[in-house]
Amino acid sequence: MKRIGNLYDEIISIENLQLADKKARKGKVRSYGVKLHDKNREANLFQLHDDLKNQTYRTSKYNVFKIYDPKEREIFRLPYFPDRITHHAIMNVLESIWMALFTKDTYSCIKTRGIHAAARNMKHALRTDKDGTRYCLKIDVKKFYPSIDHDILKVVIRRRIKDKRLLWLLDEVIDSVLSGVPIGNYLSQYFANVYLAYFDHWLKEVKRVKYYWRYADDVVILAPDKATLHELLHDIRAYLRDKLNLKVKRNYQVFPTNVRGIDFVGYRFFHTHTLLRKSIKKKLFRRVAKLRKVVPTKEVFRQQICSWWGWCKFCNSINLMSKVQKNTPYEIKFARAKCKV
């Protein structure tokens, strides 16, 4: 694949920085960082342009905090200016280049794909080829983001990009933490996909895997027999260890799909139907129980549960919704998504 150069001037142009500023502030116009930036918005963008042009830009100090749902993770947060604007400026130019690198089986943080595209494609495979999807291999990578090797990531990036100034900027962002890539950085989600992009190609083109889905580091592979998946698991472990310095978690699973559903992207997939993940159902009922105590208006009630309603629209959830409806003070209806489930 041809390496691409002459990208840096486009990235640091005032027009691109203005566009990056516009994209980065979506949904955040009331945040402190945006308000602070807006006091000197034009001057800040010109200052950022000069810093990038002169290669004096340095990643700001991270604000690090922990979250505990769904599991304990360290989240890294950067200031809106200059860092988040810079990351968006980079991706305004690089997104289409990196998109061409990804296989159609990669879904995380990719426009027009995402959770529901992965769910739709898995439903189709299970429904149309029951013999070829009799067994499932489900794996994920141990501490994926913290385990990404800087040197390997830089080599992978250089397989597609040769612009020396852009490589300097990407290296600066990568080396802004001691190891791994920080969860919370806008660029990190793309770094993660790029890091595993050639792994995807290896599975599809060398190993000839037909049914494969990857969402970040969560991987699902379907096959007609158990032996094929165990052999493939051995090869995957070797590839991740030798090529990417990663380890497969010990909680990998190989199981018949007709015995229990495939737990992936928030759903449990069967050959004949799709259900909502148990943990998501529990959160929905807890939220409804909490709202019953305060008796909000219908509009507030709808706003509080709309995200769960969105999950339910893409699965077989009539019985679930009937149970929820019995515990709500309002009748809430939704139009089921126009897709086969």
C-alpha atoms as a PDB file:
ATOM      1  CA  MET A   1       0.000   0.000   0.000  1.00  0.00           C
ATOM      2  CA  LYS A   2       1.392   3.393  -1.031  1.00  0.00           C
ATOM      3  CA  ARG A   3       2.644   5.634   1.763  1.00  0.00           C
ATOM      4  CA  ILE A   4       1.202   9.145   1.887  1.00  0.00           C
ATOM      5  CA  GLY A   5       3.054  12.422   2.475  1.00  0.00           C
ATOM      6  CA  ASN A   6       2.464  16.179   2.291  1.00  0.00           C
ATOM      7  CA  LEU A   7      -0.354  16.206   4.847  1.00  0.00           C
ATOM      8  CA  TYR A   8       0.994  18.463   7.591  1.00  0.00           C
ATOM      9  CA  ASP A   9       0.315  21.833   5.989  1.00  0.00           C
ATOM     10  CA  GLU A  10      -3.314  20.859   5.452  1.00  0.00           C
ATOM     11  CA  ILE A  11      -3.647  19.762   9.083  1.00  0.00           C
ATOM     12  CA  ILE A  12      -2.236  22.972  10.568  1.00  0.00           C
ATOM     13  CA  SER A  13      -4.031  25.373   8.233  1.00  0.00           C
ATOM     14  CA  ILE A  14      -6.224  27.980   9.917  1.00  0.00           C
ATOM     15  CA  GLU A  15      -9.247  26.694   7.991  1.00  0.00           C
ATOM     16  CA  ASN A  16      -8.728  23.154   9.287  1.00  0.00           C
ATOM     17  CA  LEU A  17      -8.146  24.358  12.844  1.00  0.00           C
ATOM     18  CA  GLN A  18     -11.395  26.333  12.675  1.00  0.00           C
ATOM     19  CA  LEU A  19     -13.209  23.240  11.435  1.00  0.00           C
ATOM     20  CA  ALA A  20     -11.600  21.167  14.203  1.00  0.00           C
ATOM     21  CA  ASP A  21     -12.733  23.732  16.773  1.00  0.00           C
ATOM     22  CA  LYS A  22     -16.273  23.505  15.437  1.00  0.00           C
ATOM     23  CA  LYS A  23     -16.303  19.693  15.593  1.00  0.00           C
ATOM     24  CA  ALA A  24     -14.600  19.421  18.977  1.00  0.00           C
ATOM     25  CA  ARG A  25     -17.154  21.680  20.687  1.00  0.00           C
ATOM     26  CA  LYS A  26     -20.221  19.669  19.618  1.00  0.00           C
ATOM     27  CA  GLY A  27     -22.197  18.859  22.741  1.00  0.00           C
ATOM     28  CA  LYS A  28     -19.670  20.711  24.919  1.00  0.00           C
ATOM     29  CA  VAL A  29     -20.520  24.411  24.372  1.00  0.00           C
ATOM     30  CA  ARG A  30     -21.318  24.856  28.067  1.00  0.00           C
ATOM     31  CA  SER A  31     -18.131  23.222  29.327  1.00  0.00           C
ATOM     32  CA  TYR A  32     -15.508  25.278  31.117  1.00  0.00           C
ATOM     33  CA  GLY A  33     -12.813  24.540  28.527  1.00  0.00           C
ATOM     34  CA  VAL A  34     -14.902  25.798  25.609  1.00  0.00           C
ATOM     35  CA  LYS A  35     -15.996  28.917  27.482  1.00  0.00           C
ATOM     36  CA  LEU A  36     -12.385  29.686  28.413  1.00  0.00           C
ATOM     37  CA  HIS A  37     -11.227  29.165  24.827  1.00  0.00           C
ATOM     38  CA  ASP A  38     -13.993  31.392  23.434  1.00  0.00           C
ATOM     39  CA  LYS A  39     -12.686  34.405  25.373  1.00  0.00           C
ATOM     40  CA  ASN A  40      -9.731  34.476  22.946  1.00  0.00           C
ATOM     41  CA  ARG A  41     -10.901  32.077  20.269  1.00  0.00           C
ATOM     42  CA  GLU A  42      -9.296  33.624  17.192  1.00  0.00           C
ATOM     43  CA  ALA A  43      -6.011  34.410  18.935  1.00  0.00           C
ATOM     44  CA  ASN A  44      -5.851  30.886  20.357  1.00  0.00           C
ATOM     45  CA  LEU A  45      -6.254  29.299  16.934  1.00  0.00           C
ATOM     46  CA  PHE A  46      -3.522  31.466  15.439  1.00  0.00           C
ATOM     47  CA  GLN A  47      -1.269  30.627  18.384  1.00  0.00           C
ATOM     48  CA  LEU A  48      -1.945  26.926  17.872  1.00  0.00           C
ATOM     49  CA  HIS A  49      -1.195  27.303  14.164  1.00  0.00           C
ATOM     50  CA  ASP A  50       2.174  28.897  14.991  1.00  0.00           C
ATOM     51  CA  ASP A  51       3.035  26.235  17.584  1.00  0.00           C
ATOM     52  CA  LEU A  52       2.294  23.443  15.119  1.00  0.00           C
ATOM     53  CA  LYS A  53       4.086  25.210  12.270  1.00  0.00           C
ATOM     54  CA  ASN A  54       7.220  25.749  14.370  1.00  0.00           C
ATOM     55  CA  GLN A  55       6.910  22.298  15.936  1.00  0.00           C
ATOM     56  CA  THR A  56       6.889  23.757  19.440  1.00  0.00           C
ATOM     57  CA  TYR A  57       3.520  22.185  20.294  1.00  0.00           C
ATOM     58  CA  ARG A  58       3.557  19.954  23.350  1.00  0.00           C
ATOM     59  CA  THR A  59       0.724  17.871  24.760  1.00  0.00           C
ATOM     60  CA  SER A  60      -0.719  19.449  27.900  1.00  0.00           C
ATOM     61  CA  LYS A  61      -0.731  17.812  31.318  1.00  0.00           C
ATOM     62  CA  TYR A  62      -3.401  15.136  31.702  1.00  0.00           C
ATOM     63  CA  ASN A  63      -6.133  15.195  34.299  1.00  0.00           C
ATOM     64  CA  VAL A  64      -6.365  11.553  35.370  1.00  0.00           C
ATOM     65  CA  PHE A  65      -9.369  10.068  37.178  1.00  0.00           C
ATOM     66  CA  LYS A  66     -10.983   6.653  37.590  1.00  0.00           C
ATOM     67  CA  ILE A  67     -14.361   5.264  36.600  1.00  0.00           C
ATOM     68  CA  TYR A  68     -15.834   2.052  38.002  1.00  0.00           C
ATOM     69  CA  ASP A  69     -18.676   1.230  35.599  1.00  0.00           C
ATOM     70  CA  PRO A  70     -18.615  -1.246  33.906  1.00  0.00           C
ATOM     71  CA  LYS A  71     -15.144  -1.848  35.377  1.00  0.00           C
ATOM     72  CA  GLU A  72     -12.343   0.135  36.966  1.00  0.00           C
ATOM     73  CA  ARG A  73     -10.441   2.200  34.414  1.00  0.00           C
ATOM     74  CA  GLU A  74      -8.133   5.195  34.409  1.00  0.00           C
ATOM     75  CA  ILE A  75      -9.450   7.995  32.192  1.00  0.00           C
ATOM     76  CA  PHE A  76      -7.111  10.668  30.827  1.00  0.00           C
ATOM     77  CA  ARG A  77      -8.539  14.090  30.037  1.00  0.00           C
ATOM     78  CA  LEU A  78      -6.813  16.902  28.143  1.00  0.00           C
ATOM     79  CA  PRO A  79      -7.750  20.603  27.948  1.00  0.00           C
ATOM     80  CA  TYR A  80     -10.109  21.617  25.150  1.00  0.00           C
ATOM     81  CA  PHE A  81      -7.490  24.095  23.908  1.00  0.00           C
ATOM     82  CA  PRO A  82      -5.047  23.300  22.463  1.00  0.00           C
ATOM     83  CA  ASP A  83      -5.140  19.507  22.645  1.00  0.00           C
ATOM     84  CA  ARG A  84      -8.643  18.415  21.721  1.00  0.00           C
ATOM     85  CA  ILE A  85      -8.694  20.892  18.847  1.00  0.00           C
ATOM     86  CA  THR A  86      -5.350  19.505  17.651  1.00  0.00           C
ATOM     87  CA  HIS A  87      -6.606  15.922  17.750  1.00  0.00           C
ATOM     88  CA  HIS A  88      -9.678  16.805  15.694  1.00  0.00           C
ATOM     89  CA  ALA A  89      -7.500  18.733  13.235  1.00  0.00           C
ATOM     90  CA  ILE A  90      -5.366  15.621  12.730  1.00  0.00           C
ATOM     91  CA  MET A  91      -8.370  13.372  12.213  1.00  0.00           C
ATOM     92  CA  ASN A  92     -10.047  15.767   9.771  1.00  0.00           C
ATOM     93  CA  VAL A  93      -7.281  14.789   7.365  1.00  0.00           C
ATOM     94  CA  LEU A  94      -6.293  11.289   8.502  1.00  0.00           C
ATOM     95  CA  GLU A  95      -9.720   9.729   8.998  1.00  0.00           C
ATOM     96  CA  SER A  96     -10.317   8.891   5.330  1.00  0.00           C
ATOM     97  CA  ILE A  97      -6.744   7.584   4.984  1.00  0.00           C
ATOM     98  CA  TRP A  98      -7.052   5.268   7.973  1.00  0.00           C
ATOM     99  CA  MET A  99     -10.582   4.227   7.013  1.00  0.00           C
ATOM    100  CA  ALA A 100      -9.161   2.753   3.813  1.00  0.00           C
ATOM    101  CA  LEU A 101      -6.890   0.594   5.985  1.00  0.00           C
ATOM    102  CA  PHE A 102      -9.671  -1.005   8.042  1.00  0.00           C
ATOM    103  CA  THR A 103     -11.541  -4.122   6.991  1.00  0.00           C
ATOM    104  CA  LYS A 104     -15.340  -4.128   6.952  1.00  0.00           C
ATOM    105  CA  ASP A 105     -15.245  -6.233  10.124  1.00  0.00           C
ATOM    106  CA  THR A 106     -14.015  -3.364  12.336  1.00  0.00           C
ATOM    107  CA  TYR A 107     -16.828  -1.441  14.009  1.00  0.00           C
ATOM    108  CA  SER A 108     -15.619   0.621  16.958  1.00  0.00           C
ATOM    109  CA  CYS A 109     -15.495   4.412  16.480  1.00  0.00           C
ATOM    110  CA  ILE A 110     -16.100   4.240  12.729  1.00  0.00           C
ATOM    111  CA  LYS A 111     -18.754   6.353  11.052  1.00  0.00           C
ATOM    112  CA  THR A 112     -21.718   4.457   9.515  1.00  0.00           C
ATOM    113  CA  ARG A 113     -20.766   1.342  11.514  1.00  0.00           C
ATOM    114  CA  GLY A 114     -20.756   1.104  15.296  1.00  0.00           C
ATOM    115  CA  ILE A 115     -22.808  -1.142  17.579  1.00  0.00           C
ATOM    116  CA  HIS A 116     -25.914  -1.525  15.458  1.00  0.00           C
ATOM    117  CA  ALA A 117     -24.013  -2.260  12.253  1.00  0.00           C
ATOM    118  CA  ALA A 118     -22.125  -5.026  14.073  1.00  0.00           C
ATOM    119  CA  ALA A 119     -25.396  -6.342  15.500  1.00  0.00           C
ATOM    120  CA  ARG A 120     -27.124  -6.268  12.114  1.00  0.00           C
ATOM    121  CA  ASN A 121     -24.333  -8.187  10.383  1.00  0.00           C
ATOM    122  CA  MET A 122     -24.118 -10.793  13.131  1.00  0.00           C
ATOM    123  CA  LYS A 123     -27.893 -11.354  13.019  1.00  0.00           C
ATOM    124  CA  HIS A 124     -27.688 -11.845   9.266  1.00  0.00           C
ATOM    125  CA  ALA A 125     -24.894 -14.435   9.544  1.00  0.00           C
ATOM    126  CA  LEU A 126     -26.676 -16.407  12.282  1.00  0.00           C
ATOM    127  CA  ARG A 127     -29.979 -16.347  10.418  1.00  0.00           C
ATOM    128  CA  THR A 128     -28.699 -17.286   6.956  1.00  0.00           C
ATOM    129  CA  ASP A 129     -25.937 -19.805   7.731  1.00  0.00           C
ATOM    130  CA  LYS A 130     -26.786 -21.914  10.779  1.00  0.00           C
ATOM    131  CA  ASP A 131     -24.320 -24.671   9.880  1.00  0.00           C
ATOM    132  CA  GLY A 132     -21.427 -22.250   9.369  1.00  0.00           C
ATOM    133  CA  THR A 133     -22.128 -20.470  12.678  1.00  0.00           C
ATOM    134  CA  ARG A 134     -22.587 -23.463  14.983  1.00  0.00           C
ATOM    135  CA  TYR A 135     -19.645 -22.554  17.248  1.00  0.00           C
ATOM    136  CA  CYS A 136     -18.329 -19.262  18.598  1.00  0.00           C
ATOM    137  CA  LEU A 137     -14.880 -18.099  19.708  1.00  0.00           C
ATOM    138  CA  LYS A 138     -15.072 -14.999  21.889  1.00  0.00           C
ATOM    139  CA  ILE A 139     -11.912 -13.264  23.071  1.00  0.00           C
ATOM    140  CA  ASP A 140     -10.633  -9.908  24.168  1.00  0.00           C
ATOM    141  CA  VAL A 141      -7.176  -8.501  24.790  1.00  0.00           C
ATOM    142  CA  LYS A 142      -5.789  -8.178  28.300  1.00  0.00           C
ATOM    143  CA  LYS A 143      -5.602  -4.469  29.276  1.00  0.00           C
ATOM    144  CA  PHE A 144      -5.642  -3.486  25.623  1.00  0.00           C
ATOM    145  CA  TYR A 145      -5.217   0.298  25.712  1.00  0.00           C
ATOM    146  CA  PRO A 146      -2.534   0.307  28.452  1.00  0.00           C
ATOM    147  CA  SER A 147      -0.681  -2.521  26.658  1.00  0.00           C
ATOM    148  CA  ILE A 148      -0.281  -0.888  23.240  1.00  0.00           C
ATOM    149  CA  ASP A 149       3.441  -0.767  22.512  1.00  0.00           C
ATOM    150  CA  HIS A 150       4.621   2.706  21.434  1.00  0.00           C
ATOM    151  CA  ASP A 151       7.387   1.449  19.165  1.00  0.00           C
ATOM    152  CA  ILE A 152       5.114  -1.032  17.393  1.00  0.00           C
ATOM    153  CA  LEU A 153       2.347   1.580  17.025  1.00  0.00           C
ATOM    154  CA  LYS A 154       4.817   4.003  15.415  1.00  0.00           C
ATOM    155  CA  VAL A 155       5.971   1.316  12.974  1.00  0.00           C
ATOM    156  CA  VAL A 156       2.350   0.504  12.061  1.00  0.00           C
ATOM    157  CA  ILE A 157       1.573   4.184  11.471  1.00  0.00           C
ATOM    158  CA  ARG A 158       4.647   4.541   9.261  1.00  0.00           C
ATOM    159  CA  ARG A 159       3.395   1.774   6.986  1.00  0.00           C
ATOM    160  CA  ARG A 160       0.804   4.261   5.730  1.00  0.00           C
ATOM    161  CA  ILE A 161       2.237   7.741   6.422  1.00  0.00           C
ATOM    162  CA  LYS A 162       5.615   9.202   5.454  1.00  0.00           C
ATOM    163  CA  ASP A 163       5.126  12.921   6.184  1.00  0.00           C
ATOM    164  CA  LYS A 164       7.973  13.585   8.674  1.00  0.00           C
ATOM    165  CA  ARG A 165       6.336  16.566  10.380  1.00  0.00           C
ATOM    166  CA  LEU A 166       3.056  14.720  10.828  1.00  0.00           C
ATOM    167  CA  LEU A 167       4.928  11.713  12.199  1.00  0.00           C
ATOM    168  CA  TRP A 168       6.646  14.053  14.665  1.00  0.00           C
ATOM    169  CA  LEU A 169       3.236  15.295  15.861  1.00  0.00           C
ATOM    170  CA  LEU A 170       1.748  11.805  16.151  1.00  0.00           C
ATOM    171  CA  ASP A 171       4.843  10.609  18.023  1.00  0.00           C
ATOM    172  CA  GLU A 172       4.503  13.569  20.381  1.00  0.00           C
ATOM    173  CA  VAL A 173       0.939  12.566  21.215  1.00  0.00           C
ATOM    174  CA  ILE A 174       1.857   8.881  21.582  1.00  0.00           C
ATOM    175  CA  ASP A 175       4.776   9.646  23.896  1.00  0.00           C
ATOM    176  CA  SER A 176       2.694  12.003  26.069  1.00  0.00           C
ATOM    177  CA  VAL A 177       2.123   8.989  28.361  1.00  0.00           C
ATOM    178  CA  LEU A 178       4.743   6.514  29.549  1.00  0.00           C
ATOM    179  CA  SER A 179       3.028   3.429  28.149  1.00  0.00           C
ATOM    180  CA  GLY A 180      -0.048   2.448  26.180  1.00  0.00           C
ATOM    181  CA  VAL A 181      -2.488   4.978  24.792  1.00  0.00           C
ATOM    182  CA  PRO A 182      -4.687   6.934  27.192  1.00  0.00           C
ATOM    183  CA  ILE A 183      -8.387   6.068  27.396  1.00  0.00           C
ATOM    184  CA  GLY A 184     -10.213   9.359  26.884  1.00  0.00           C
ATOM    185  CA  ASN A 185      -8.014  10.824  24.155  1.00  0.00           C
ATOM    186  CA  TYR A 186      -9.881  11.415  20.891  1.00  0.00           C
ATOM    187  CA  LEU A 187      -6.914  10.038  18.952  1.00  0.00           C
ATOM    188  CA  SER A 188      -6.578   6.917  21.101  1.00  0.00           C
ATOM    189  CA  GLN A 189      -9.612   5.186  19.608  1.00  0.00           C
ATOM    190  CA  TYR A 190      -8.086   5.566  16.139  1.00  0.00           C
ATOM    191  CA  PHE A 191      -4.642   4.493  17.334  1.00  0.00           C
ATOM    192  CA  ALA A 192      -6.281   1.343  18.755  1.00  0.00           C
ATOM    193  CA  ASN A 193      -7.985   0.507  15.458  1.00  0.00           C
ATOM    194  CA  VAL A 194      -4.818   1.154  13.458  1.00  0.00           C
ATOM    195  CA  TYR A 195      -2.818  -1.015  15.875  1.00  0.00           C
ATOM    196  CA  LEU A 196      -5.081  -4.012  15.143  1.00  0.00           C
ATOM    197  CA  ALA A 197      -5.768  -3.239  11.466  1.00  0.00           C
ATOM    198  CA  TYR A 198      -3.170  -5.643  10.075  1.00  0.00           C
ATOM    199  CA  PHE A 199      -4.343  -8.296  12.532  1.00  0.00           C
ATOM    200  CA  ASP A 200      -7.790  -7.954  10.927  1.00  0.00           C
ATOM    201  CA  HIS A 201      -6.287  -8.361   7.459  1.00  0.00           C
ATOM    202  CA  TRP A 202      -4.293 -11.401   8.595  1.00  0.00           C
ATOM    203  CA  LEU A 203      -7.431 -13.114   9.913  1.00  0.00           C
ATOM    204  CA  LYS A 204      -9.450 -12.385   6.781  1.00  0.00           C
ATOM    205  CA  GLU A 205      -6.821 -12.820   4.065  1.00  0.00           C
ATOM    206  CA  VAL A 206      -4.344 -15.346   5.490  1.00  0.00           C
ATOM    207  CA  LYS A 207      -6.482 -17.400   7.879  1.00  0.00           C
ATOM    208  CA  ARG A 208      -9.559 -17.018   5.639  1.00  0.00           C
ATOM    209  CA  VAL A 209     -11.961 -16.430   8.518  1.00  0.00           C
ATOM    210  CA  LYS A 210     -15.457 -15.924   7.112  1.00  0.00           C
ATOM    211  CA  TYR A 211     -17.423 -14.722  10.151  1.00  0.00           C
ATOM    212  CA  TYR A 212     -15.434 -12.187  12.148  1.00  0.00           C
ATOM    213  CA  TRP A 213     -16.401  -9.090  14.131  1.00  0.00           C
ATOM    214  CA  ARG A 214     -14.169  -6.777  16.164  1.00  0.00           C
ATOM    215  CA  TYR A 215     -15.346  -3.920  18.358  1.00  0.00           C
ATOM    216  CA  ALA A 216     -12.205  -2.308  19.862  1.00  0.00           C
ATOM    217  CA  ASP A 217     -10.481  -5.374  21.391  1.00  0.00           C
ATOM    218  CA  ASP A 218     -13.616  -7.532  21.689  1.00  0.00           C
ATOM    219  CA  VAL A 219     -13.493 -10.238  19.012  1.00  0.00           C
ATOM    220  CA  VAL A 220     -16.134 -12.748  17.929  1.00  0.00           C
ATOM    221  CA  ILE A 221     -15.444 -15.489  15.364  1.00  0.00           C
ATOM    222  CA  LEU A 222     -17.974 -18.078  14.194  1.00  0.00           C
ATOM    223  CA  ALA A 223     -17.216 -21.429  12.547  1.00  0.00           C
ATOM    224  CA  PRO A 224     -18.900 -24.776  11.837  1.00  0.00           C
ATOM    225  CA  ASP A 225     -16.822 -26.778  14.342  1.00  0.00           C
ATOM    226  CA  LYS A 226     -15.012 -26.433  17.655  1.00  0.00           C
ATOM    227  CA  ALA A 227     -11.646 -27.816  16.477  1.00  0.00           C
ATOM    228  CA  THR A 228     -11.261 -25.031  13.891  1.00  0.00           C
ATOM    229  CA  LEU A 229     -11.752 -22.367  16.553  1.00  0.00           C
ATOM    230  CA  HIS A 230      -9.300 -23.917  19.030  1.00  0.00           C
ATOM    231  CA  GLU A 231      -6.646 -24.120  16.299  1.00  0.00           C
ATOM    232  CA  LEU A 232      -7.373 -20.513  15.332  1.00  0.00           C
ATOM    233  CA  LEU A 233      -7.132 -19.400  18.969  1.00  0.00           C
ATOM    234  CA  HIS A 234      -3.621 -20.879  19.150  1.00  0.00           C
ATOM    235  CA  ASP A 235      -2.574 -18.922  16.050  1.00  0.00           C
ATOM    236  CA  ILE A 236      -4.211 -15.691  17.293  1.00  0.00           C
ATOM    237  CA  ARG A 237      -2.344 -15.898  20.586  1.00  0.00           C
ATOM    238  CA  ALA A 238       0.952 -16.349  18.745  1.00  0.00           C
ATOM    239  CA  TYR A 239       0.244 -13.453  16.348  1.00  0.00           C
ATOM    240  CA  LEU A 240      -0.765 -11.015  19.097  1.00  0.00           C
ATOM    241  CA  ARG A 241       2.201 -12.020  21.258  1.00  0.00           C
ATOM    242  CA  ASP A 242       4.867 -11.958  18.549  1.00  0.00           C
ATOM    243  CA  LYS A 243       3.646  -9.128  16.323  1.00  0.00           C
ATOM    244  CA  LEU A 244       1.876  -6.748  18.713  1.00  0.00           C
ATOM    245  CA  ASN A 245       3.134  -7.628  22.208  1.00  0.00           C
ATOM    246  CA  LEU A 246      -0.434  -8.299  23.387  1.00  0.00           C
ATOM    247  CA  LYS A 247      -2.025 -11.121  25.368  1.00  0.00           C
ATOM    248  CA  VAL A 248      -5.433 -12.756  25.015  1.00  0.00           C
ATOM    249  CA  LYS A 249      -7.379 -12.739  28.281  1.00  0.00           C
ATOM    250  CA  ARG A 250      -7.663 -16.105  29.971  1.00  0.00           C
ATOM    251  CA  ASN A 251     -11.465 -15.845  29.992  1.00  0.00           C
ATOM    252  CA  TYR A 252     -11.718 -16.729  26.285  1.00  0.00           C
ATOM    253  CA  GLN A 253     -14.747 -18.848  25.340  1.00  0.00           C
ATOM    254  CA  VAL A 254     -15.421 -21.523  22.715  1.00  0.00           C
ATOM    255  CA  PHE A 255     -19.026 -22.705  22.824  1.00  0.00           C
ATOM    256  CA  PRO A 256     -21.941 -23.926  20.674  1.00  0.00           C
ATOM    257  CA  THR A 257     -24.152 -21.013  19.667  1.00  0.00           C
ATOM    258  CA  ASN A 258     -27.360 -23.016  20.043  1.00  0.00           C
ATOM    259  CA  VAL A 259     -26.677 -23.590  23.758  1.00  0.00           C
ATOM    260  CA  ARG A 260     -26.253 -19.981  24.851  1.00  0.00           C
ATOM    261  CA  GLY A 261     -26.270 -16.631  23.162  1.00  0.00           C
ATOM    262  CA  ILE A 262     -23.266 -14.660  21.939  1.00  0.00           C
ATOM    263  CA  ASP A 263     -22.769 -11.737  24.341  1.00  0.00           C
ATOM    264  CA  PHE A 264     -21.471  -8.897  22.153  1.00  0.00           C
ATOM    265  CA  VAL A 265     -22.005  -5.112  21.766  1.00  0.00           C
ATOM    266  CA  GLY A 266     -24.744  -5.033  24.394  1.00  0.00           C
ATOM    267  CA  TYR A 267     -26.870  -7.898  23.053  1.00  0.00           C
ATOM    268  CA  ARG A 268     -27.163 -11.686  23.284  1.00  0.00           C
ATOM    269  CA  PHE A 269     -27.427 -13.189  19.812  1.00  0.00           C
ATOM    270  CA  PHE A 270     -29.155 -16.474  18.992  1.00  0.00           C
ATOM    271  CA  HIS A 271     -29.943 -18.052  15.622  1.00  0.00           C
ATOM    272  CA  THR A 272     -33.618 -17.187  15.946  1.00  0.00           C
ATOM    273  CA  HIS A 273     -33.699 -14.016  18.027  1.00  0.00           C
ATOM    274  CA  THR A 274     -31.701 -11.297  19.786  1.00  0.00           C
ATOM    275  CA  LEU A 275     -32.035 -10.214  23.423  1.00  0.00           C
ATOM    276  CA  LEU A 276     -30.700  -7.323  25.454  1.00  0.00           C
ATOM    277  CA  ARG A 277     -27.652  -7.962  27.645  1.00  0.00           C
ATOM    278  CA  LYS A 278     -28.651  -8.798  31.235  1.00  0.00           C
ATOM    279  CA  SER A 279     -26.602  -5.983  32.813  1.00  0.00           C
ATOM    280  CA  ILE A 280     -28.282  -3.400  30.569  1.00  0.00           C
ATOM    281  CA  LYS A 281     -31.739  -4.736  31.480  1.00  0.00           C
ATOM    282  CA  LYS A 282     -30.889  -4.438  35.180  1.00  0.00           C
ATOM    283  CA  LYS A 283     -29.819  -0.820  34.753  1.00  0.00           C
ATOM    284  CA  LEU A 284     -33.054  -0.036  32.932  1.00  0.00           C
ATOM    285  CA  PHE A 285     -35.197  -1.472  35.738  1.00  0.00           C
ATOM    286  CA  ARG A 286     -33.134   0.325  38.379  1.00  0.00           C
ATOM    287  CA  ARG A 287     -33.616   3.620  36.579  1.00  0.00           C
ATOM    288  CA  VAL A 288     -37.373   3.040  36.257  1.00  0.00           C
ATOM    289  CA  ALA A 289     -37.609   2.145  39.958  1.00  0.00           C
ATOM    290  CA  LYS A 290     -35.747   5.313  40.885  1.00  0.00           C
ATOM    291  CA  LEU A 291     -37.984   7.462  38.684  1.00  0.00           C
ATOM    292  CA  ARG A 292     -41.134   5.988  40.216  1.00  0.00           C
ATOM    293  CA  LYS A 293     -40.151   7.476  43.570  1.00  0.00           C
ATOM    294  CA  VAL A 294     -40.075  11.050  42.243  1.00  0.00           C
ATOM    295  CA  VAL A 295     -42.897  10.766  39.647  1.00  0.00           C
ATOM    296  CA  PRO A 296     -41.380  13.046  36.955  1.00  0.00           C
ATOM    297  CA  THR A 297     -43.280  14.556  34.059  1.00  0.00           C
ATOM    298  CA  LYS A 298     -43.767  12.379  31.011  1.00  0.00           C
ATOM    299  CA  GLU A 299     -41.183  14.358  29.057  1.00  0.00           C
ATOM    300  CA  VAL A 300     -38.543  14.017  31.798  1.00  0.00           C
ATOM    301  CA  PHE A 301     -39.359  10.329  32.137  1.00  0.00           C
ATOM    302  CA  ARG A 302     -38.846   9.795  28.407  1.00  0.00           C
ATOM    303  CA  GLN A 303     -35.527  11.655  28.475  1.00  0.00           C
ATOM    304  CA  GLN A 304     -34.274   9.575  31.412  1.00  0.00           C
ATOM    305  CA  ILE A 305     -34.908   6.216  29.734  1.00  0.00           C
ATOM    306  CA  CYS A 306     -34.499   7.099  26.046  1.00  0.00           C
ATOM    307  CA  SER A 307     -31.043   5.503  25.755  1.00  0.00           C
ATOM    308  CA  TRP A 308     -32.386   2.132  26.979  1.00  0.00           C
ATOM    309  CA  TRP A 309     -35.382   2.500  24.674  1.00  0.00           C
ATOM    310  CA  GLY A 310     -32.849   2.897  21.854  1.00  0.00           C
ATOM    311  CA  TRP A 311     -31.185  -0.399  22.815  1.00  0.00           C
ATOM    312  CA  CYS A 312     -34.552  -2.168  22.889  1.00  0.00           C
ATOM    313  CA  LYS A 313     -35.562  -1.007  19.411  1.00  0.00           C
ATOM    314  CA  PHE A 314     -32.913  -3.233  17.835  1.00  0.00           C
ATOM    315  CA  CYS A 315     -33.739  -6.526  19.542  1.00  0.00           C
ATOM    316  CA  ASN A 316     -36.650  -8.793  20.422  1.00  0.00           C
ATOM    317  CA  SER A 317     -37.829  -6.889  23.466  1.00  0.00           C
ATOM    318  CA  ILE A 318     -41.644  -7.062  23.492  1.00  0.00           C
ATOM    319  CA  ASN A 319     -41.817  -9.036  26.758  1.00  0.00           C
ATOM    320  CA  LEU A 320     -39.164  -6.849  28.359  1.00  0.00           C
ATOM    321  CA  MET A 321     -41.004  -3.682  27.404  1.00  0.00           C
ATOM    322  CA  SER A 322     -44.267  -5.104  28.741  1.00  0.00           C
ATOM    323  CA  LYS A 323     -42.615  -5.665  32.129  1.00  0.00           C
ATOM    324  CA  VAL A 324     -41.150  -2.167  32.120  1.00  0.00           C
ATOM    325  CA  GLN A 325     -44.480  -0.673  31.113  1.00  0.00           C
ATOM    326  CA  LYS A 326     -46.226  -2.242  34.116  1.00  0.00           C
ATOM    327  CA  ASN A 327     -43.847  -0.362  36.422  1.00  0.00           C
ATOM    328  CA  THR A 328     -44.065   3.039  34.754  1.00  0.00           C
ATOM    329  CA  PRO A 329     -46.622   5.795  35.338  1.00  0.00           C
ATOM    330  CA  TYR A 330     -46.757   6.584  31.599  1.00  0.00           C
ATOM    331  CA  GLU A 331     -47.347   4.670  28.413  1.00  0.00           C
ATOM    332  CA  ILE A 332     -44.203   5.051  26.348  1.00  0.00           C
ATOM    333  CA  LYS A 333     -44.234   3.710  22.808  1.00  0.00           C
ATOM    334  CA  PHE A 334     -41.439   3.482  20.273  1.00  0.00           C
ATOM    335  CA  ALA A 335     -41.225   2.645  16.589  1.00  0.00           C
ATOM    336  CA  ARG A 336     -39.229  -0.557  16.200  1.00  0.00           C
ATOM    337  CA  ALA A 337     -36.133  -0.193  14.051  1.00  0.00           C
ATOM    338  CA  LYS A 338     -36.702  -1.247  10.456  1.00  0.00           C
ATOM    339  CA  CYS A 339     -34.298  -4.156  10.418  1.00  0.00           C
ATOM    340  CA  LYS A 340     -34.697  -7.903  10.617  1.00  0.00           C
ATOM    341  CA  VAL A 341     -34.104  -9.363  14.060  1.00  0.00           C
END
